[in-house]
Amino acid sequence: MTLAYLATPYNHEKRPVMEDRKLAALDAAGRLLAAGQRVFSPIAHNVAIIVRGERHEGNRR
């Protein structure tokens, strides 16, 4: 089975647009997984981890 790479836009000057893009990437990755396709999405797989890490960094200051 192949691994699909899901490329999606993310960066934007407005945070709500970035949040919408993240959710769209999550939805698309979820649909592909539900259809039996293996998928890697940098946005879906990494943004939540990065944001969580930033929150922890903020708590340490």
PDB file of N, CA and C in Angstrom:
ATOM      1  N   MET A   1       0.844  -1.170   0.000  1.00  0.00           N
ATOM      2  CA  MET A   1       0.000   0.000   0.000  1.00  0.00           C
ATOM      3  C   MET A   1       0.898   1.244   0.000  1.00  0.00           C
ATOM      4  N   THR A   2       0.472   2.250  -0.714  1.00  0.00           N
ATOM      5  CA  THR A   2       1.252   3.483  -0.797  1.00  0.00           C
ATOM      6  C   THR A   2       0.853   4.459   0.311  1.00  0.00           C
ATOM      7  N   LEU A   3       1.712   5.419   0.517  1.00  0.00           N
ATOM      8  CA  LEU A   3       1.454   6.467   1.493  1.00  0.00           C
ATOM      9  C   LEU A   3       1.213   7.766   0.739  1.00  0.00           C
ATOM     10  N   ALA A   4       0.045   8.345   0.924  1.00  0.00           N
ATOM     11  CA  ALA A   4      -0.277   9.614   0.274  1.00  0.00           C
ATOM     12  C   ALA A   4       0.278  10.768   1.102  1.00  0.00           C
ATOM     13  N   TYR A   5       0.804  11.769   0.435  1.00  0.00           N
ATOM     14  CA  TYR A   5       1.277  12.991   1.084  1.00  0.00           C
ATOM     15  C   TYR A   5       0.225  14.059   0.828  1.00  0.00           C
ATOM     16  N   LEU A   6      -0.401  14.530   1.890  1.00  0.00           N
ATOM     17  CA  LEU A   6      -1.464  15.522   1.765  1.00  0.00           C
ATOM     18  C   LEU A   6      -0.882  16.913   1.985  1.00  0.00           C
ATOM     19  N   ALA A   7      -0.672  17.637   0.898  1.00  0.00           N
ATOM     20  CA  ALA A   7      -0.138  18.998   0.959  1.00  0.00           C
ATOM     21  C   ALA A   7      -1.300  19.977   1.019  1.00  0.00           C
ATOM     22  N   THR A   8      -1.280  20.829   2.025  1.00  0.00           N
ATOM     23  CA  THR A   8      -2.341  21.814   2.194  1.00  0.00           C
ATOM     24  C   THR A   8      -1.735  23.145   2.628  1.00  0.00           C
ATOM     25  N   PRO A   9      -2.376  24.265   2.297  1.00  0.00           N
ATOM     26  CA  PRO A   9      -1.867  25.562   2.766  1.00  0.00           C
ATOM     27  C   PRO A   9      -2.102  25.687   4.264  1.00  0.00           C
ATOM     28  N   TYR A  10      -1.289  26.499   4.906  1.00  0.00           N
ATOM     29  CA  TYR A  10      -1.480  26.729   6.336  1.00  0.00           C
ATOM     30  C   TYR A  10      -1.215  28.182   6.726  1.00  0.00           C
ATOM     31  N   ASN A  11      -0.024  28.677   6.496  1.00  0.00           N
ATOM     32  CA  ASN A  11       0.343  30.018   6.962  1.00  0.00           C
ATOM     33  C   ASN A  11      -0.551  31.101   6.364  1.00  0.00           C
ATOM     34  N   HIS A  12      -0.870  32.063   7.217  1.00  0.00           N
ATOM     35  CA  HIS A  12      -1.683  33.204   6.809  1.00  0.00           C
ATOM     36  C   HIS A  12      -1.509  34.287   7.860  1.00  0.00           C
ATOM     37  N   GLU A  13      -1.754  35.499   7.504  1.00  0.00           N
ATOM     38  CA  GLU A  13      -1.606  36.601   8.459  1.00  0.00           C
ATOM     39  C   GLU A  13      -2.682  36.595   9.539  1.00  0.00           C
ATOM     40  N   LYS A  14      -3.811  35.932   9.266  1.00  0.00           N
ATOM     41  CA  LYS A  14      -4.920  35.893  10.221  1.00  0.00           C
ATOM     42  C   LYS A  14      -5.025  34.511  10.856  1.00  0.00           C
ATOM     43  N   ARG A  15      -4.997  34.473  12.181  1.00  0.00           N
ATOM     44  CA  ARG A  15      -5.070  33.204  12.920  1.00  0.00           C
ATOM     45  C   ARG A  15      -6.331  32.387  12.595  1.00  0.00           C
ATOM     46  N   PRO A  16      -7.513  33.012  12.472  1.00  0.00           N
ATOM     47  CA  PRO A  16      -8.704  32.205  12.153  1.00  0.00           C
ATOM     48  C   PRO A  16      -8.578  31.460  10.816  1.00  0.00           C
ATOM     49  N   VAL A  17      -7.906  32.056   9.854  1.00  0.00           N
ATOM     50  CA  VAL A  17      -7.692  31.385   8.564  1.00  0.00           C
ATOM     51  C   VAL A  17      -6.791  30.177   8.774  1.00  0.00           C
ATOM     52  N   MET A  18      -5.756  30.334   9.590  1.00  0.00           N
ATOM     53  CA  MET A  18      -4.866  29.204   9.870  1.00  0.00           C
ATOM     54  C   MET A  18      -5.617  28.081  10.578  1.00  0.00           C
ATOM     55  N   GLU A  19      -6.493  28.429  11.499  1.00  0.00           N
ATOM     56  CA  GLU A  19      -7.291  27.423  12.200  1.00  0.00           C
ATOM     57  C   GLU A  19      -8.215  26.703  11.220  1.00  0.00           C
ATOM     58  N   ASP A  20      -8.870  27.426  10.327  1.00  0.00           N
ATOM     59  CA  ASP A  20      -9.730  26.803   9.314  1.00  0.00           C
ATOM     60  C   ASP A  20      -8.932  25.863   8.424  1.00  0.00           C
ATOM     61  N   ARG A  21      -7.734  26.275   8.052  1.00  0.00           N
ATOM     62  CA  ARG A  21      -6.887  25.437   7.194  1.00  0.00           C
ATOM     63  C   ARG A  21      -6.457  24.168   7.920  1.00  0.00           C
ATOM     64  N   LYS A  22      -6.139  24.304   9.204  1.00  0.00           N
ATOM     65  CA  LYS A  22      -5.778  23.122   9.999  1.00  0.00           C
ATOM     66  C   LYS A  22      -6.941  22.143  10.056  1.00  0.00           C
ATOM     67  N   LEU A  23      -8.142  22.659  10.331  1.00  0.00           N
ATOM     68  CA  LEU A  23      -9.314  21.793  10.413  1.00  0.00           C
ATOM     69  C   LEU A  23      -9.625  21.132   9.072  1.00  0.00           C
ATOM     70  N   ALA A  24      -9.440  21.862   7.981  1.00  0.00           N
ATOM     71  CA  ALA A  24      -9.658  21.275   6.655  1.00  0.00           C
ATOM     72  C   ALA A  24      -8.661  20.146   6.393  1.00  0.00           C
ATOM     73  N   ALA A  25      -7.410  20.336   6.807  1.00  0.00           N
ATOM     74  CA  ALA A  25      -6.401  19.281   6.641  1.00  0.00           C
ATOM     75  C   ALA A  25      -6.758  18.060   7.479  1.00  0.00           C
ATOM     76  N   LEU A  26      -7.225  18.284   8.695  1.00  0.00           N
ATOM     77  CA  LEU A  26      -7.643  17.167   9.550  1.00  0.00           C
ATOM     78  C   LEU A  26      -8.817  16.416   8.933  1.00  0.00           C
ATOM     79  N   ASP A  27      -9.790  17.153   8.420  1.00  0.00           N
ATOM     80  CA  ASP A  27     -10.953  16.522   7.785  1.00  0.00           C
ATOM     81  C   ASP A  27     -10.538  15.701   6.572  1.00  0.00           C
ATOM     82  N   ALA A  28      -9.690  16.268   5.723  1.00  0.00           N
ATOM     83  CA  ALA A  28      -9.259  15.563   4.512  1.00  0.00           C
ATOM     84  C   ALA A  28      -8.461  14.313   4.868  1.00  0.00           C
ATOM     85  N   ALA A  29      -7.554  14.431   5.832  1.00  0.00           N
ATOM     86  CA  ALA A  29      -6.768  13.269   6.253  1.00  0.00           C
ATOM     87  C   ALA A  29      -7.681  12.197   6.840  1.00  0.00           C
ATOM     88  N   GLY A  30      -8.653  12.616   7.620  1.00  0.00           N
ATOM     89  CA  GLY A  30      -9.603  11.661   8.201  1.00  0.00           C
ATOM     90  C   GLY A  30     -10.415  10.930   7.155  1.00  0.00           C
ATOM     91  N   ARG A  31     -10.846  11.657   6.126  1.00  0.00           N
ATOM     92  CA  ARG A  31     -11.611  11.011   5.044  1.00  0.00           C
ATOM     93  C   ARG A  31     -10.751   9.991   4.308  1.00  0.00           C
ATOM     94  N   LEU A  32      -9.501  10.346   4.051  1.00  0.00           N
ATOM     95  CA  LEU A  32      -8.601   9.406   3.367  1.00  0.00           C
ATOM     96  C   LEU A  32      -8.348   8.163   4.224  1.00  0.00           C
ATOM     97  N   LEU A  33      -8.112   8.365   5.509  1.00  0.00           N
ATOM     98  CA  LEU A  33      -7.902   7.224   6.408  1.00  0.00           C
ATOM     99  C   LEU A  33      -9.140   6.335   6.468  1.00  0.00           C
ATOM    100  N   ALA A  34     -10.314   6.944   6.528  1.00  0.00           N
ATOM    101  CA  ALA A  34     -11.569   6.183   6.576  1.00  0.00           C
ATOM    102  C   ALA A  34     -11.786   5.368   5.312  1.00  0.00           C
ATOM    103  N   ALA A  35     -11.233   5.869   4.199  1.00  0.00           N
ATOM    104  CA  ALA A  35     -11.354   5.153   2.926  1.00  0.00           C
ATOM    105  C   ALA A  35     -10.271   4.080   2.766  1.00  0.00           C
ATOM    106  N   GLY A  36      -9.422   3.928   3.790  1.00  0.00           N
ATOM    107  CA  GLY A  36      -8.404   2.891   3.743  1.00  0.00           C
ATOM    108  C   GLY A  36      -7.069   3.337   3.163  1.00  0.00           C
ATOM    109  N   GLN A  37      -6.922   4.621   2.927  1.00  0.00           N
ATOM    110  CA  GLN A  37      -5.681   5.156   2.358  1.00  0.00           C
ATOM    111  C   GLN A  37      -4.747   5.571   3.489  1.00  0.00           C
ATOM    112  N   ARG A  38      -3.507   5.148   3.419  1.00  0.00           N
ATOM    113  CA  ARG A  38      -2.505   5.644   4.368  1.00  0.00           C
ATOM    114  C   ARG A  38      -2.127   7.052   3.934  1.00  0.00           C
ATOM    115  N   VAL A  39      -2.057   7.965   4.887  1.00  0.00           N
ATOM    116  CA  VAL A  39      -1.820   9.370   4.541  1.00  0.00           C
ATOM    117  C   VAL A  39      -0.918  10.033   5.568  1.00  0.00           C
ATOM    118  N   PHE A  40      -0.055  10.918   5.076  1.00  0.00           N
ATOM    119  CA  PHE A  40       0.738  11.784   5.940  1.00  0.00           C
ATOM    120  C   PHE A  40       0.409  13.215   5.573  1.00  0.00           C
ATOM    121  N   SER A  41      -0.007  13.988   6.564  1.00  0.00           N
ATOM    122  CA  SER A  41      -0.311  15.402   6.380  1.00  0.00           C
ATOM    123  C   SER A  41       0.518  16.203   7.375  1.00  0.00           C
ATOM    124  N   PRO A  42       1.514  16.963   6.903  1.00  0.00           N
ATOM    125  CA  PRO A  42       2.328  17.736   7.839  1.00  0.00           C
ATOM    126  C   PRO A  42       1.485  18.646   8.734  1.00  0.00           C
ATOM    127  N   ILE A  43       0.452  19.227   8.194  1.00  0.00           N
ATOM    128  CA  ILE A  43      -0.391  20.118   8.997  1.00  0.00           C
ATOM    129  C   ILE A  43      -1.173  19.314  10.037  1.00  0.00           C
ATOM    130  N   ALA A  44      -1.846  18.279   9.599  1.00  0.00           N
ATOM    131  CA  ALA A  44      -2.654  17.473  10.518  1.00  0.00           C
ATOM    132  C   ALA A  44      -1.794  16.770  11.564  1.00  0.00           C
ATOM    133  N   HIS A  45      -0.606  16.357  11.191  1.00  0.00           N
ATOM    134  CA  HIS A  45       0.238  15.593  12.105  1.00  0.00           C
ATOM    135  C   HIS A  45       1.115  16.453  13.005  1.00  0.00           C
ATOM    136  N   ASN A  46       1.380  17.691  12.648  1.00  0.00           N
ATOM    137  CA  ASN A  46       2.358  18.476  13.397  1.00  0.00           C
ATOM    138  C   ASN A  46       1.838  19.732  14.087  1.00  0.00           C
ATOM    139  N   VAL A  47       0.833  20.375  13.545  1.00  0.00           N
ATOM    140  CA  VAL A  47       0.417  21.670  14.090  1.00  0.00           C
ATOM    141  C   VAL A  47      -0.034  21.553  15.549  1.00  0.00           C
ATOM    142  N   ALA A  48      -0.827  20.573  15.870  1.00  0.00           N
ATOM    143  CA  ALA A  48      -1.292  20.429  17.254  1.00  0.00           C
ATOM    144  C   ALA A  48      -0.118  20.200  18.203  1.00  0.00           C
ATOM    145  N   ILE A  49       0.857  19.454  17.770  1.00  0.00           N
ATOM    146  CA  ILE A  49       2.041  19.201  18.598  1.00  0.00           C
ATOM    147  C   ILE A  49       2.822  20.493  18.808  1.00  0.00           C
ATOM    148  N   ILE A  50       2.994  21.261  17.756  1.00  0.00           N
ATOM    149  CA  ILE A  50       3.735  22.521  17.849  1.00  0.00           C
ATOM    150  C   ILE A  50       3.005  23.506  18.768  1.00  0.00           C
ATOM    151  N   VAL A  51       1.701  23.639  18.586  1.00  0.00           N
ATOM    152  CA  VAL A  51       0.919  24.567  19.410  1.00  0.00           C
ATOM    153  C   VAL A  51       0.984  24.148  20.875  1.00  0.00           C
ATOM    154  N   ARG A  52       0.860  22.880  21.125  1.00  0.00           N
ATOM    155  CA  ARG A  52       0.927  22.384  22.511  1.00  0.00           C
ATOM    156  C   ARG A  52       2.290  22.692  23.113  1.00  0.00           C
ATOM    157  N   GLY A  53       3.336  22.490  22.354  1.00  0.00           N
ATOM    158  CA  GLY A  53       4.678  22.793  22.828  1.00  0.00           C
ATOM    159  C   GLY A  53       4.853  24.262  23.136  1.00  0.00           C
ATOM    160  N   GLU A  54       4.279  25.116  22.298  1.00  0.00           N
ATOM    161  CA  GLU A  54       4.353  26.559  22.548  1.00  0.00           C
ATOM    162  C   GLU A  54       3.631  26.920  23.838  1.00  0.00           C
ATOM    163  N   ARG A  55       2.528  26.271  24.111  1.00  0.00           N
ATOM    164  CA  ARG A  55       1.797  26.536  25.351  1.00  0.00           C
ATOM    165  C   ARG A  55       2.636  26.143  26.559  1.00  0.00           C
ATOM    166  N   HIS A  56       3.310  25.006  26.473  1.00  0.00           N
ATOM    167  CA  HIS A  56       4.166  24.570  27.578  1.00  0.00           C
ATOM    168  C   HIS A  56       5.347  25.520  27.766  1.00  0.00           C
ATOM    169  N   GLU A  57       5.906  25.987  26.670  1.00  0.00           N
ATOM    170  CA  GLU A  57       7.009  26.938  26.752  1.00  0.00           C
ATOM    171  C   GLU A  57       6.543  28.214  27.438  1.00  0.00           C
ATOM    172  N   GLY A  58       5.334  28.647  27.123  1.00  0.00           N
ATOM    173  CA  GLY A  58       4.796  29.852  27.730  1.00  0.00           C
ATOM    174  C   GLY A  58       4.583  29.699  29.227  1.00  0.00           C
ATOM    175  N   ASN A  59       4.247  28.489  29.657  1.00  0.00           N
ATOM    176  CA  ASN A  59       4.032  28.249  31.078  1.00  0.00           C
ATOM    177  C   ASN A  59       5.340  28.225  31.868  1.00  0.00           C
ATOM    178  N   ARG A  60       6.450  28.005  31.193  1.00  0.00           N
ATOM    179  CA  ARG A  60       7.739  27.905  31.881  1.00  0.00           C
ATOM    180  C   ARG A  60       8.380  29.260  32.071  1.00  0.00           C
ATOM    181  N   ARG A  61       7.861  30.289  31.450  1.00  0.00           N
ATOM    182  CA  ARG A  61       8.462  31.619  31.565  1.00  0.00           C
ATOM    183  C   ARG A  61       7.995  32.344  32.776  1.00  0.00           C
TER     184      ARG A  61
END
